[in-house]
N, C-alpha and C. Protein backbone atom coordinates (compact mmCIF):
# COMPACT_ATOMS: atom_id res chain seq x y z
N MET A 1 16.47 36.37 -26.28
CA MET A 1 15.38 37.33 -26.34
C MET A 1 15.02 37.71 -24.90
N SER A 2 14.94 39.00 -24.63
CA SER A 2 14.58 39.45 -23.29
C SER A 2 13.09 39.26 -23.04
N LEU A 3 12.71 39.36 -21.78
CA LEU A 3 11.30 39.23 -21.41
C LEU A 3 10.47 40.30 -22.11
N HIS A 4 11.02 41.52 -22.19
CA HIS A 4 10.31 42.62 -22.85
C HIS A 4 10.11 42.31 -24.34
N GLU A 5 11.16 41.83 -25.00
CA GLU A 5 11.05 41.49 -26.42
C GLU A 5 10.06 40.35 -26.64
N SER A 6 10.07 39.38 -25.73
CA SER A 6 9.13 38.26 -25.82
C SER A 6 7.70 38.76 -25.68
N HIS A 7 7.47 39.68 -24.74
CA HIS A 7 6.13 40.24 -24.55
C HIS A 7 5.69 41.01 -25.79
N ASP A 8 6.61 41.81 -26.35
CA ASP A 8 6.28 42.57 -27.56
C ASP A 8 5.93 41.64 -28.72
N ALA A 9 6.69 40.56 -28.87
CA ALA A 9 6.42 39.60 -29.95
C ALA A 9 5.06 38.94 -29.73
N SER A 10 4.76 38.57 -28.49
CA SER A 10 3.47 37.95 -28.19
C SER A 10 2.34 38.93 -28.46
N ALA A 11 2.52 40.18 -28.03
CA ALA A 11 1.49 41.19 -28.25
C ALA A 11 1.23 41.38 -29.74
N ALA A 12 2.28 41.35 -30.54
CA ALA A 12 2.12 41.51 -31.99
C ALA A 12 1.36 40.33 -32.58
N LEU A 13 1.68 39.12 -32.13
CA LEU A 13 0.97 37.93 -32.63
C LEU A 13 -0.50 37.95 -32.22
N VAL A 14 -0.76 38.36 -30.97
CA VAL A 14 -2.14 38.45 -30.50
C VAL A 14 -2.91 39.44 -31.36
N LYS A 15 -2.31 40.60 -31.63
CA LYS A 15 -2.98 41.59 -32.47
C LYS A 15 -3.25 41.03 -33.87
N MET A 16 -2.26 40.34 -34.42
CA MET A 16 -2.42 39.79 -35.78
C MET A 16 -3.54 38.75 -35.83
N VAL A 17 -3.56 37.82 -34.89
CA VAL A 17 -4.59 36.78 -34.92
C VAL A 17 -5.97 37.40 -34.64
N ASN A 18 -6.03 38.41 -33.78
CA ASN A 18 -7.31 39.10 -33.55
C ASN A 18 -7.78 39.82 -34.81
N ASP A 19 -6.84 40.41 -35.55
CA ASP A 19 -7.20 41.08 -36.81
C ASP A 19 -7.76 40.06 -37.82
N ILE A 20 -7.13 38.90 -37.89
CA ILE A 20 -7.62 37.84 -38.78
C ILE A 20 -9.01 37.40 -38.34
N ALA A 21 -9.19 37.22 -37.04
CA ALA A 21 -10.49 36.82 -36.50
C ALA A 21 -11.55 37.88 -36.79
N ASP A 22 -11.17 39.15 -36.70
CA ASP A 22 -12.12 40.23 -37.02
C ASP A 22 -12.63 40.10 -38.45
N TYR A 23 -11.75 39.73 -39.36
CA TYR A 23 -12.16 39.55 -40.76
C TYR A 23 -13.22 38.45 -40.87
N PHE A 24 -13.04 37.37 -40.12
CA PHE A 24 -13.96 36.23 -40.20
C PHE A 24 -15.19 36.40 -39.31
N GLN A 25 -15.26 37.47 -38.55
CA GLN A 25 -16.39 37.73 -37.65
C GLN A 25 -17.72 37.79 -38.40
N SER A 26 -17.68 38.20 -39.66
CA SER A 26 -18.92 38.34 -40.42
C SER A 26 -19.49 36.99 -40.88
N GLU A 27 -18.71 35.93 -40.75
CA GLU A 27 -19.19 34.59 -41.12
C GLU A 27 -20.24 34.14 -40.10
N PRO A 28 -21.48 33.90 -40.54
CA PRO A 28 -22.53 33.54 -39.58
C PRO A 28 -22.33 32.17 -38.93
N ASP A 29 -21.63 31.27 -39.60
CA ASP A 29 -21.37 29.94 -39.05
C ASP A 29 -20.05 29.99 -38.28
N ARG A 30 -20.14 29.89 -36.96
CA ARG A 30 -18.95 30.02 -36.10
C ARG A 30 -17.88 29.02 -36.48
N GLU A 31 -18.25 27.78 -36.74
CA GLU A 31 -17.26 26.75 -37.07
C GLU A 31 -16.54 27.07 -38.38
N LEU A 32 -17.27 27.60 -39.36
CA LEU A 32 -16.63 28.01 -40.61
C LEU A 32 -15.67 29.17 -40.37
N ALA A 33 -16.04 30.07 -39.48
CA ALA A 33 -15.16 31.19 -39.15
C ALA A 33 -13.87 30.68 -38.51
N VAL A 34 -14.00 29.78 -37.53
CA VAL A 34 -12.82 29.22 -36.87
C VAL A 34 -11.98 28.45 -37.89
N ASP A 35 -12.63 27.67 -38.75
CA ASP A 35 -11.91 26.94 -39.80
C ASP A 35 -11.12 27.92 -40.68
N GLY A 36 -11.73 29.03 -41.03
CA GLY A 36 -11.06 30.03 -41.87
C GLY A 36 -9.84 30.62 -41.21
N ILE A 37 -9.94 30.89 -39.91
CA ILE A 37 -8.81 31.44 -39.17
C ILE A 37 -7.68 30.41 -39.11
N VAL A 38 -8.03 29.18 -38.74
CA VAL A 38 -7.02 28.11 -38.66
C VAL A 38 -6.35 27.92 -40.02
N ASN A 39 -7.14 27.90 -41.07
CA ASN A 39 -6.59 27.74 -42.41
C ASN A 39 -5.62 28.87 -42.74
N HIS A 40 -6.00 30.09 -42.42
CA HIS A 40 -5.13 31.23 -42.68
C HIS A 40 -3.81 31.09 -41.91
N LEU A 41 -3.91 30.77 -40.62
CA LEU A 41 -2.70 30.63 -39.80
C LEU A 41 -1.81 29.51 -40.32
N THR A 42 -2.43 28.43 -40.76
CA THR A 42 -1.67 27.28 -41.26
C THR A 42 -0.99 27.60 -42.59
N ARG A 43 -1.69 28.31 -43.44
CA ARG A 43 -1.15 28.59 -44.78
C ARG A 43 -0.16 29.75 -44.82
N PHE A 44 -0.40 30.78 -44.00
CA PHE A 44 0.37 32.01 -44.16
C PHE A 44 1.31 32.35 -43.01
N TRP A 45 1.15 31.73 -41.87
CA TRP A 45 2.07 31.98 -40.77
C TRP A 45 3.16 30.93 -40.81
N GLU A 46 4.40 31.35 -40.60
CA GLU A 46 5.48 30.37 -40.55
C GLU A 46 5.34 29.54 -39.27
N PRO A 47 5.86 28.33 -39.28
CA PRO A 47 5.70 27.44 -38.12
C PRO A 47 6.14 28.06 -36.80
N ARG A 48 7.21 28.85 -36.83
CA ARG A 48 7.69 29.49 -35.60
C ARG A 48 6.62 30.42 -35.01
N MET A 49 5.92 31.15 -35.85
CA MET A 49 4.86 32.05 -35.38
C MET A 49 3.72 31.24 -34.77
N ARG A 50 3.35 30.15 -35.43
CA ARG A 50 2.28 29.30 -34.89
C ARG A 50 2.68 28.71 -33.54
N ARG A 51 3.94 28.25 -33.43
CA ARG A 51 4.40 27.71 -32.14
C ARG A 51 4.34 28.77 -31.05
N LYS A 52 4.72 30.00 -31.39
CA LYS A 52 4.72 31.08 -30.39
C LYS A 52 3.30 31.42 -29.93
N ILE A 53 2.35 31.48 -30.85
CA ILE A 53 0.98 31.82 -30.42
C ILE A 53 0.37 30.67 -29.63
N VAL A 54 0.71 29.43 -29.97
CA VAL A 54 0.22 28.28 -29.20
C VAL A 54 0.84 28.29 -27.80
N ALA A 55 2.13 28.61 -27.69
CA ALA A 55 2.78 28.69 -26.38
C ALA A 55 2.17 29.81 -25.55
N TYR A 56 1.92 30.95 -26.19
CA TYR A 56 1.27 32.07 -25.50
C TYR A 56 -0.10 31.63 -24.98
N PHE A 57 -0.85 30.95 -25.81
CA PHE A 57 -2.18 30.46 -25.44
C PHE A 57 -2.09 29.55 -24.21
N ALA A 58 -1.12 28.66 -24.21
CA ALA A 58 -0.96 27.72 -23.10
C ALA A 58 -0.54 28.44 -21.81
N GLU A 59 0.36 29.40 -21.94
CA GLU A 59 0.87 30.11 -20.77
C GLU A 59 -0.12 31.13 -20.21
N ARG A 60 -0.82 31.82 -21.08
CA ARG A 60 -1.67 32.94 -20.65
C ARG A 60 -3.15 32.66 -20.81
N LYS A 61 -3.50 31.41 -21.13
CA LYS A 61 -4.90 31.00 -21.26
C LYS A 61 -5.66 31.85 -22.28
N GLY A 62 -4.95 32.30 -23.31
CA GLY A 62 -5.60 33.05 -24.37
C GLY A 62 -5.92 34.50 -24.03
N GLU A 63 -5.31 35.00 -22.97
CA GLU A 63 -5.55 36.39 -22.55
C GLU A 63 -5.33 37.34 -23.73
N GLY A 64 -6.29 38.21 -23.95
CA GLY A 64 -6.19 39.21 -25.01
C GLY A 64 -6.71 38.75 -26.36
N LEU A 65 -6.96 37.45 -26.50
CA LEU A 65 -7.49 36.94 -27.76
C LEU A 65 -9.01 37.07 -27.78
N SER A 66 -9.55 37.45 -28.92
CA SER A 66 -11.00 37.48 -29.06
C SER A 66 -11.53 36.05 -28.98
N GLU A 67 -12.83 35.92 -28.85
CA GLU A 67 -13.44 34.59 -28.71
C GLU A 67 -13.13 33.71 -29.91
N LEU A 68 -13.26 34.25 -31.12
CA LEU A 68 -12.96 33.47 -32.33
C LEU A 68 -11.47 33.14 -32.42
N ALA A 69 -10.63 34.11 -32.12
CA ALA A 69 -9.18 33.88 -32.16
C ALA A 69 -8.79 32.81 -31.15
N ARG A 70 -9.37 32.88 -29.96
CA ARG A 70 -9.09 31.89 -28.91
C ARG A 70 -9.48 30.49 -29.38
N ALA A 71 -10.64 30.37 -30.00
CA ALA A 71 -11.09 29.06 -30.50
C ALA A 71 -10.15 28.53 -31.57
N ALA A 72 -9.69 29.40 -32.45
CA ALA A 72 -8.79 28.97 -33.52
C ALA A 72 -7.43 28.54 -32.96
N VAL A 73 -6.90 29.31 -32.03
CA VAL A 73 -5.60 28.97 -31.45
C VAL A 73 -5.72 27.70 -30.61
N ALA A 74 -6.85 27.52 -29.95
CA ALA A 74 -7.07 26.27 -29.20
C ALA A 74 -7.03 25.08 -30.15
N ARG A 75 -7.61 25.24 -31.32
CA ARG A 75 -7.60 24.16 -32.31
C ARG A 75 -6.18 23.89 -32.80
N LEU A 76 -5.40 24.97 -33.01
CA LEU A 76 -3.99 24.78 -33.39
C LEU A 76 -3.23 24.05 -32.29
N ALA A 77 -3.50 24.42 -31.04
CA ALA A 77 -2.83 23.78 -29.90
C ALA A 77 -3.18 22.30 -29.85
N ASP A 78 -4.45 21.97 -30.06
CA ASP A 78 -4.87 20.56 -30.08
C ASP A 78 -4.16 19.80 -31.19
N ALA A 79 -4.06 20.40 -32.36
CA ALA A 79 -3.39 19.75 -33.49
C ALA A 79 -1.91 19.54 -33.20
N ALA A 80 -1.28 20.53 -32.54
CA ALA A 80 0.14 20.41 -32.20
C ALA A 80 0.36 19.28 -31.20
N ARG A 81 -0.54 19.16 -30.22
CA ARG A 81 -0.42 18.07 -29.24
C ARG A 81 -0.61 16.72 -29.91
N SER A 82 -1.55 16.64 -30.84
CA SER A 82 -1.81 15.38 -31.54
C SER A 82 -0.62 14.97 -32.41
N ALA A 83 0.05 15.96 -32.98
CA ALA A 83 1.19 15.68 -33.86
C ALA A 83 2.45 15.30 -33.09
N ALA A 84 2.49 15.66 -31.82
CA ALA A 84 3.70 15.41 -31.00
C ALA A 84 3.81 13.97 -30.57
């Protein structure tokens, strides 16, 4: 995969997780919103997609992710480190 293709894939994942976070933005309890995003990513994203967004988060410090999306991906990253 070229650098350009990798960037495009990352940009698509960032947009997708931000869209999911936008849906949960209406949840008044921030922790429930983050839980909902993490649950969605865990249930509906294939493991490869989750690994890519976690790697993007680690490399780019969550650049481009909304606050809720960043919190959810941080939680996924923590879970991945714990499982390793």
